[in-house]
Each structure stands twice: as structure tokens, then as C-alpha cells.
């Protein structure tokens, strides 16, 4: 990854992690709780359409770059103006501990 200008981190996102709580009937309920806010660069990375369980699903791919933060992993999500961007992968592009790039997916339908 080429050098990134920190000024390009212009979008304010909330980072959330999944938590499970007992549902009172022997199962669990999954919810998300905020764990922080980050400045990010959000780049559109294409779209796809697939049929899942007989239903047409549309999804947008995004590449989100943030300052390096430990603990960011697949399954967490970012909230951007009410939109939910689920993290599929997170990696340090230069292995230098400065930035993380997260491949995210936003389901539309």
C-alpha cells in the first residue's frame, strides 16, 4: 500500500462487536455493542448479487482504512450514517502497525 495521507481519514464510524446474551429459554440472542469510534477512509469496492435460500440478496463491498487498532476482526462491524458494514477481513497492509484495511460488506436486501 502506498503512503496514506492521514487527512484522507474523513469519515467518522462507530466500531461494534457482537455479544451474545441468554434469551431465557436456553438459547442466546446476538446483538452488537459499540466499542469505539474511528476516523476512516471509505472506498467503494464493487457490488454483487446472489440468490441465498431462494431470495435475491444484493451487497456492496467497501474497503475501509483506519489507524491501526488491536482487536479488530472479522464479524465486527462499522456503522456509517446508519449503514451496517460487516468486516469480512482486516489486515495491516504494510505490516508496520500504522493502518488497518478492512474488507467490508453491506447487505442491501
N, C-alpha and C. Protein backbone atom coordinates (compact mmCIF):
# COMPACT_ATOMS: atom_id res chain seq x y z
N UNK A 1 0.85 -1.18 0.00
CA UNK A 1 0.00 0.00 0.00
C UNK A 1 0.89 1.24 0.00
N UNK A 2 0.58 2.17 -0.85
CA UNK A 2 1.33 3.41 -0.90
C UNK A 2 1.07 4.22 0.37
N UNK A 3 1.94 5.18 0.60
CA UNK A 3 1.78 6.02 1.79
C UNK A 3 0.40 6.66 1.79
N UNK A 4 -0.21 6.69 2.94
CA UNK A 4 -1.56 7.22 3.09
C UNK A 4 -1.49 8.54 3.82
N UNK A 5 -2.18 9.53 3.30
CA UNK A 5 -2.28 10.83 3.96
C UNK A 5 -3.33 10.70 5.06
N UNK A 6 -2.94 10.93 6.30
CA UNK A 6 -3.88 10.81 7.43
C UNK A 6 -5.09 11.71 7.24
N UNK A 7 -4.96 12.77 6.47
CA UNK A 7 -6.08 13.67 6.19
C UNK A 7 -7.17 13.02 5.35
N UNK A 8 -6.88 11.87 4.75
CA UNK A 8 -7.90 11.18 3.95
C UNK A 8 -8.85 10.36 4.83
N UNK A 9 -8.56 10.27 6.12
CA UNK A 9 -9.45 9.57 7.05
C UNK A 9 -10.53 10.57 7.48
N UNK A 10 -11.56 10.72 6.65
CA UNK A 10 -12.55 11.79 6.82
C UNK A 10 -13.91 11.35 7.34
N UNK A 11 -14.16 10.07 7.34
CA UNK A 11 -15.48 9.58 7.77
C UNK A 11 -15.40 9.08 9.21
N UNK A 12 -16.38 9.46 10.01
CA UNK A 12 -16.43 9.03 11.41
C UNK A 12 -17.34 7.81 11.50
N UNK A 13 -16.78 6.69 11.95
CA UNK A 13 -17.52 5.44 12.04
C UNK A 13 -17.52 4.93 13.48
N UNK A 14 -18.56 4.21 13.83
CA UNK A 14 -18.63 3.52 15.11
C UNK A 14 -18.25 2.07 14.87
N UNK A 15 -17.35 1.55 15.69
CA UNK A 15 -16.94 0.15 15.61
C UNK A 15 -17.74 -0.63 16.64
N UNK A 16 -18.35 -1.74 16.21
CA UNK A 16 -19.15 -2.56 17.10
C UNK A 16 -18.68 -4.00 17.08
N UNK A 17 -18.87 -4.68 18.22
CA UNK A 17 -18.56 -6.12 18.28
C UNK A 17 -19.82 -6.87 18.67
N UNK A 18 -19.88 -8.12 18.24
CA UNK A 18 -21.03 -8.96 18.56
C UNK A 18 -20.93 -9.46 19.99
N UNK A 19 -22.06 -9.47 20.67
CA UNK A 19 -22.13 -10.04 22.02
C UNK A 19 -23.35 -10.96 22.06
N UNK A 20 -23.23 -12.00 22.85
CA UNK A 20 -24.34 -12.94 23.00
C UNK A 20 -24.83 -12.91 24.44
N UNK A 21 -26.13 -12.96 24.60
CA UNK A 21 -26.74 -12.97 25.93
C UNK A 21 -27.79 -14.07 25.96
N UNK A 22 -27.99 -14.71 27.12
CA UNK A 22 -29.02 -15.74 27.23
C UNK A 22 -30.39 -15.17 26.89
N UNK A 23 -31.21 -15.97 26.20
CA UNK A 23 -32.54 -15.50 25.84
C UNK A 23 -33.61 -15.94 26.84
N UNK A 24 -33.18 -16.65 27.91
CA UNK A 24 -34.12 -17.09 28.93
C UNK A 24 -34.81 -18.41 28.60
N UNK A 25 -34.53 -18.95 27.42
CA UNK A 25 -35.15 -20.21 27.01
C UNK A 25 -34.10 -21.23 26.60
N UNK A 26 -32.88 -21.05 27.08
CA UNK A 26 -31.80 -21.99 26.79
C UNK A 26 -30.97 -21.64 25.58
N UNK A 27 -31.34 -20.60 24.87
CA UNK A 27 -30.59 -20.16 23.69
C UNK A 27 -29.88 -18.84 23.96
N UNK A 28 -29.43 -18.23 22.90
CA UNK A 28 -28.76 -16.94 23.03
C UNK A 28 -29.33 -15.96 22.01
N UNK A 29 -29.20 -14.71 22.32
CA UNK A 29 -29.57 -13.62 21.43
C UNK A 29 -28.29 -12.87 21.10
N UNK A 30 -28.02 -12.68 19.82
CA UNK A 30 -26.83 -11.94 19.40
C UNK A 30 -27.21 -10.49 19.14
N UNK A 31 -26.43 -9.61 19.71
CA UNK A 31 -26.59 -8.18 19.48
C UNK A 31 -25.21 -7.58 19.26
N UNK A 32 -25.16 -6.32 18.95
CA UNK A 32 -23.88 -5.62 18.79
C UNK A 32 -23.81 -4.49 19.80
N UNK A 33 -22.60 -4.26 20.30
CA UNK A 33 -22.39 -3.13 21.20
C UNK A 33 -21.22 -2.30 20.69
N UNK A 34 -21.33 -0.98 20.80
CA UNK A 34 -20.25 -0.11 20.34
C UNK A 34 -19.02 -0.25 21.24
N UNK A 35 -17.85 -0.27 20.61
CA UNK A 35 -16.61 -0.34 21.40
C UNK A 35 -15.70 0.86 21.12
N UNK A 36 -16.12 1.73 20.22
CA UNK A 36 -15.32 2.92 19.96
C UNK A 36 -15.71 3.59 18.65
N UNK A 37 -15.15 4.75 18.43
CA UNK A 37 -15.33 5.46 17.16
C UNK A 37 -13.96 5.65 16.53
N UNK A 38 -13.95 5.65 15.21
CA UNK A 38 -12.71 5.79 14.47
C UNK A 38 -12.92 6.73 13.29
N UNK A 39 -11.83 7.37 12.87
CA UNK A 39 -11.82 8.12 11.62
C UNK A 39 -11.37 7.14 10.55
N UNK A 40 -12.00 7.19 9.39
CA UNK A 40 -11.72 6.20 8.36
C UNK A 40 -11.79 6.80 6.96
N UNK A 41 -11.14 6.09 6.06
CA UNK A 41 -11.29 6.34 4.63
C UNK A 41 -12.18 5.21 4.12
N UNK A 42 -13.28 5.54 3.46
CA UNK A 42 -14.21 4.54 2.97
C UNK A 42 -14.20 4.57 1.44
N UNK A 43 -13.82 3.45 0.84
CA UNK A 43 -13.79 3.33 -0.62
C UNK A 43 -14.76 2.25 -1.05
N UNK A 44 -15.56 2.55 -2.07
CA UNK A 44 -16.45 1.55 -2.64
C UNK A 44 -15.59 0.54 -3.39
N UNK A 45 -15.96 -0.73 -3.28
CA UNK A 45 -15.13 -1.78 -3.88
C UNK A 45 -15.98 -2.75 -4.70
N UNK A 46 -17.12 -2.27 -5.22
CA UNK A 46 -17.93 -3.10 -6.09
C UNK A 46 -19.22 -3.55 -5.45
N UNK A 47 -19.97 -4.35 -6.22
CA UNK A 47 -21.27 -4.87 -5.77
C UNK A 47 -21.42 -6.29 -6.28
N UNK A 48 -22.31 -7.01 -5.61
CA UNK A 48 -22.60 -8.36 -6.08
C UNK A 48 -24.06 -8.69 -5.77
N UNK A 49 -24.54 -9.67 -6.48
CA UNK A 49 -25.90 -10.13 -6.29
C UNK A 49 -25.85 -11.65 -6.24
N UNK A 50 -26.59 -12.24 -5.29
CA UNK A 50 -26.59 -13.69 -5.17
C UNK A 50 -27.96 -14.15 -4.69
N UNK A 51 -28.28 -15.39 -5.01
CA UNK A 51 -29.50 -15.98 -4.52
C UNK A 51 -29.14 -16.88 -3.35
N UNK A 52 -29.72 -16.56 -2.18
CA UNK A 52 -29.44 -17.31 -0.96
C UNK A 52 -30.78 -17.77 -0.39
N UNK A 53 -30.93 -19.07 -0.22
CA UNK A 53 -32.17 -19.66 0.31
C UNK A 53 -33.39 -19.18 -0.48
N UNK A 54 -33.24 -19.09 -1.79
CA UNK A 54 -34.36 -18.71 -2.65
C UNK A 54 -34.65 -17.23 -2.71
N UNK A 55 -33.85 -16.42 -2.04
CA UNK A 55 -34.05 -14.97 -2.05
C UNK A 55 -32.88 -14.27 -2.72
N UNK A 56 -33.17 -13.24 -3.47
CA UNK A 56 -32.13 -12.45 -4.11
C UNK A 56 -31.54 -11.50 -3.07
N UNK A 57 -30.21 -11.52 -2.92
CA UNK A 57 -29.52 -10.66 -1.96
C UNK A 57 -28.54 -9.76 -2.72
N UNK A 58 -28.60 -8.49 -2.44
CA UNK A 58 -27.69 -7.52 -3.03
C UNK A 58 -26.73 -7.06 -1.95
N UNK A 59 -25.46 -6.91 -2.31
CA UNK A 59 -24.46 -6.48 -1.33
C UNK A 59 -23.45 -5.55 -1.99
N UNK A 60 -23.02 -4.58 -1.23
CA UNK A 60 -21.96 -3.67 -1.67
C UNK A 60 -20.70 -4.00 -0.91
N UNK A 61 -19.58 -3.96 -1.59
CA UNK A 61 -18.29 -4.18 -0.94
C UNK A 61 -17.63 -2.83 -0.70
N UNK A 62 -16.98 -2.71 0.45
CA UNK A 62 -16.28 -1.48 0.81
C UNK A 62 -14.90 -1.83 1.34
N UNK A 63 -13.96 -0.96 1.09
CA UNK A 63 -12.63 -1.08 1.68
C UNK A 63 -12.49 0.09 2.64
N UNK A 64 -12.33 -0.21 3.92
CA UNK A 64 -12.27 0.82 4.96
C UNK A 64 -10.88 0.81 5.57
N UNK A 65 -10.25 1.96 5.56
CA UNK A 65 -8.90 2.10 6.13
C UNK A 65 -8.99 2.95 7.40
N UNK A 66 -8.42 2.42 8.49
CA UNK A 66 -8.39 3.12 9.77
C UNK A 66 -6.97 3.10 10.32
N UNK A 67 -6.71 3.95 11.30
CA UNK A 67 -5.43 3.83 12.01
C UNK A 67 -5.42 2.48 12.72
N UNK A 68 -4.24 1.91 12.84
CA UNK A 68 -4.13 0.57 13.43
C UNK A 68 -4.77 0.55 14.81
N UNK A 69 -5.50 -0.51 15.05
CA UNK A 69 -6.18 -0.71 16.34
C UNK A 69 -6.21 -2.21 16.58
N UNK A 70 -5.75 -2.64 17.73
CA UNK A 70 -5.74 -4.08 18.02
C UNK A 70 -7.16 -4.58 18.26
N UNK A 71 -7.37 -5.85 18.01
CA UNK A 71 -8.65 -6.48 18.30
C UNK A 71 -9.69 -6.39 17.21
N UNK A 72 -9.41 -5.70 16.11
CA UNK A 72 -10.39 -5.62 15.02
C UNK A 72 -10.33 -6.93 14.25
N UNK A 73 -11.49 -7.56 14.06
CA UNK A 73 -11.51 -8.87 13.42
C UNK A 73 -12.80 -9.09 12.65
N UNK A 74 -12.79 -10.13 11.84
CA UNK A 74 -13.97 -10.50 11.05
C UNK A 74 -15.16 -10.72 11.99
N UNK A 75 -16.34 -10.28 11.53
CA UNK A 75 -17.55 -10.43 12.32
C UNK A 75 -17.94 -9.16 13.06
N UNK A 76 -16.97 -8.28 13.29
CA UNK A 76 -17.30 -6.97 13.86
C UNK A 76 -17.93 -6.14 12.73
N UNK A 77 -18.42 -4.96 13.07
CA UNK A 77 -18.98 -4.12 12.03
C UNK A 77 -18.75 -2.65 12.33
N UNK A 78 -18.81 -1.87 11.26
CA UNK A 78 -18.76 -0.42 11.35
C UNK A 78 -20.17 0.11 11.08
N UNK A 79 -20.52 1.21 11.74
CA UNK A 79 -21.77 1.91 11.46
C UNK A 79 -21.39 3.25 10.85
N UNK A 80 -21.93 3.50 9.66
CA UNK A 80 -21.67 4.75 8.93
C UNK A 80 -23.01 5.34 8.55
N UNK A 81 -23.42 6.39 9.25
CA UNK A 81 -24.70 7.06 8.97
C UNK A 81 -25.86 6.07 8.91
N UNK A 82 -25.90 5.14 9.86
CA UNK A 82 -26.97 4.17 9.93
C UNK A 82 -26.76 2.92 9.08
N UNK A 83 -25.75 2.94 8.23
CA UNK A 83 -25.46 1.77 7.38
C UNK A 83 -24.57 0.80 8.15
N UNK A 84 -24.81 -0.50 8.00
CA UNK A 84 -24.04 -1.53 8.70
C UNK A 84 -23.05 -2.18 7.73
N UNK A 85 -21.77 -2.03 8.03
CA UNK A 85 -20.71 -2.56 7.18
C UNK A 85 -19.99 -3.67 7.96
N UNK A 86 -20.27 -4.91 7.62
CA UNK A 86 -19.72 -6.06 8.34
C UNK A 86 -18.30 -6.33 7.87
N UNK A 87 -17.39 -6.47 8.81
CA UNK A 87 -15.98 -6.73 8.49
C UNK A 87 -15.82 -8.20 8.10
N UNK A 88 -15.30 -8.44 6.91
CA UNK A 88 -15.01 -9.80 6.43
C UNK A 88 -13.55 -10.16 6.69
N UNK A 89 -12.64 -9.22 6.46
CA UNK A 89 -11.21 -9.41 6.76
C UNK A 89 -10.63 -8.09 7.23
N UNK A 90 -9.58 -8.17 8.04
CA UNK A 90 -8.85 -6.98 8.49
C UNK A 90 -7.37 -7.32 8.46
N UNK A 91 -6.58 -6.44 7.83
CA UNK A 91 -5.15 -6.72 7.73
C UNK A 91 -4.35 -5.42 7.73
N UNK A 92 -3.09 -5.54 8.13
CA UNK A 92 -2.14 -4.43 8.13
C UNK A 92 -1.41 -4.49 6.79
N UNK A 93 -1.70 -3.58 5.87
CA UNK A 93 -1.19 -3.70 4.50
C UNK A 93 0.33 -3.62 4.38
N UNK A 94 0.99 -2.94 5.28
CA UNK A 94 2.45 -2.80 5.20
C UNK A 94 3.16 -3.49 6.35
N UNK A 95 2.41 -4.15 7.22
CA UNK A 95 2.97 -4.81 8.40
C UNK A 95 3.83 -3.86 9.23
N UNK A 96 3.40 -2.59 9.31
CA UNK A 96 4.16 -1.59 10.05
C UNK A 96 3.39 -1.03 11.25
N UNK A 97 2.17 -1.53 11.48
CA UNK A 97 1.40 -1.09 12.64
C UNK A 97 0.80 0.29 12.53
N UNK A 98 0.73 0.85 11.32
CA UNK A 98 0.17 2.20 11.17
C UNK A 98 -1.32 2.19 10.82
N UNK A 99 -1.70 1.32 9.89
CA UNK A 99 -3.08 1.31 9.41
C UNK A 99 -3.62 -0.11 9.36
N UNK A 100 -4.94 -0.21 9.36
CA UNK A 100 -5.63 -1.47 9.09
C UNK A 100 -6.55 -1.24 7.89
N UNK A 101 -6.61 -2.20 7.01
CA UNK A 101 -7.55 -2.17 5.91
C UNK A 101 -8.57 -3.27 6.17
N UNK A 102 -9.83 -2.90 6.15
CA UNK A 102 -10.91 -3.85 6.41
C UNK A 102 -11.75 -4.01 5.15
N UNK A 103 -11.87 -5.24 4.69
CA UNK A 103 -12.79 -5.54 3.59
C UNK A 103 -14.16 -5.76 4.23
N UNK A 104 -15.13 -4.95 3.83
CA UNK A 104 -16.45 -4.98 4.47
C UNK A 104 -17.54 -5.22 3.44
N UNK A 105 -18.68 -5.68 3.96
CA UNK A 105 -19.84 -5.92 3.10
C UNK A 105 -21.07 -5.30 3.72
N UNK A 106 -21.85 -4.64 2.88
CA UNK A 106 -23.10 -4.03 3.29
C UNK A 106 -24.23 -4.71 2.52
N UNK A 107 -25.10 -5.41 3.23
CA UNK A 107 -26.22 -6.09 2.58
C UNK A 107 -27.36 -5.11 2.38
N UNK A 108 -27.87 -5.08 1.16
CA UNK A 108 -28.93 -4.13 0.82
C UNK A 108 -30.32 -4.72 0.92
N UNK A 109 -30.44 -6.00 0.68
CA UNK A 109 -31.78 -6.60 0.73
C UNK A 109 -31.71 -8.00 1.31
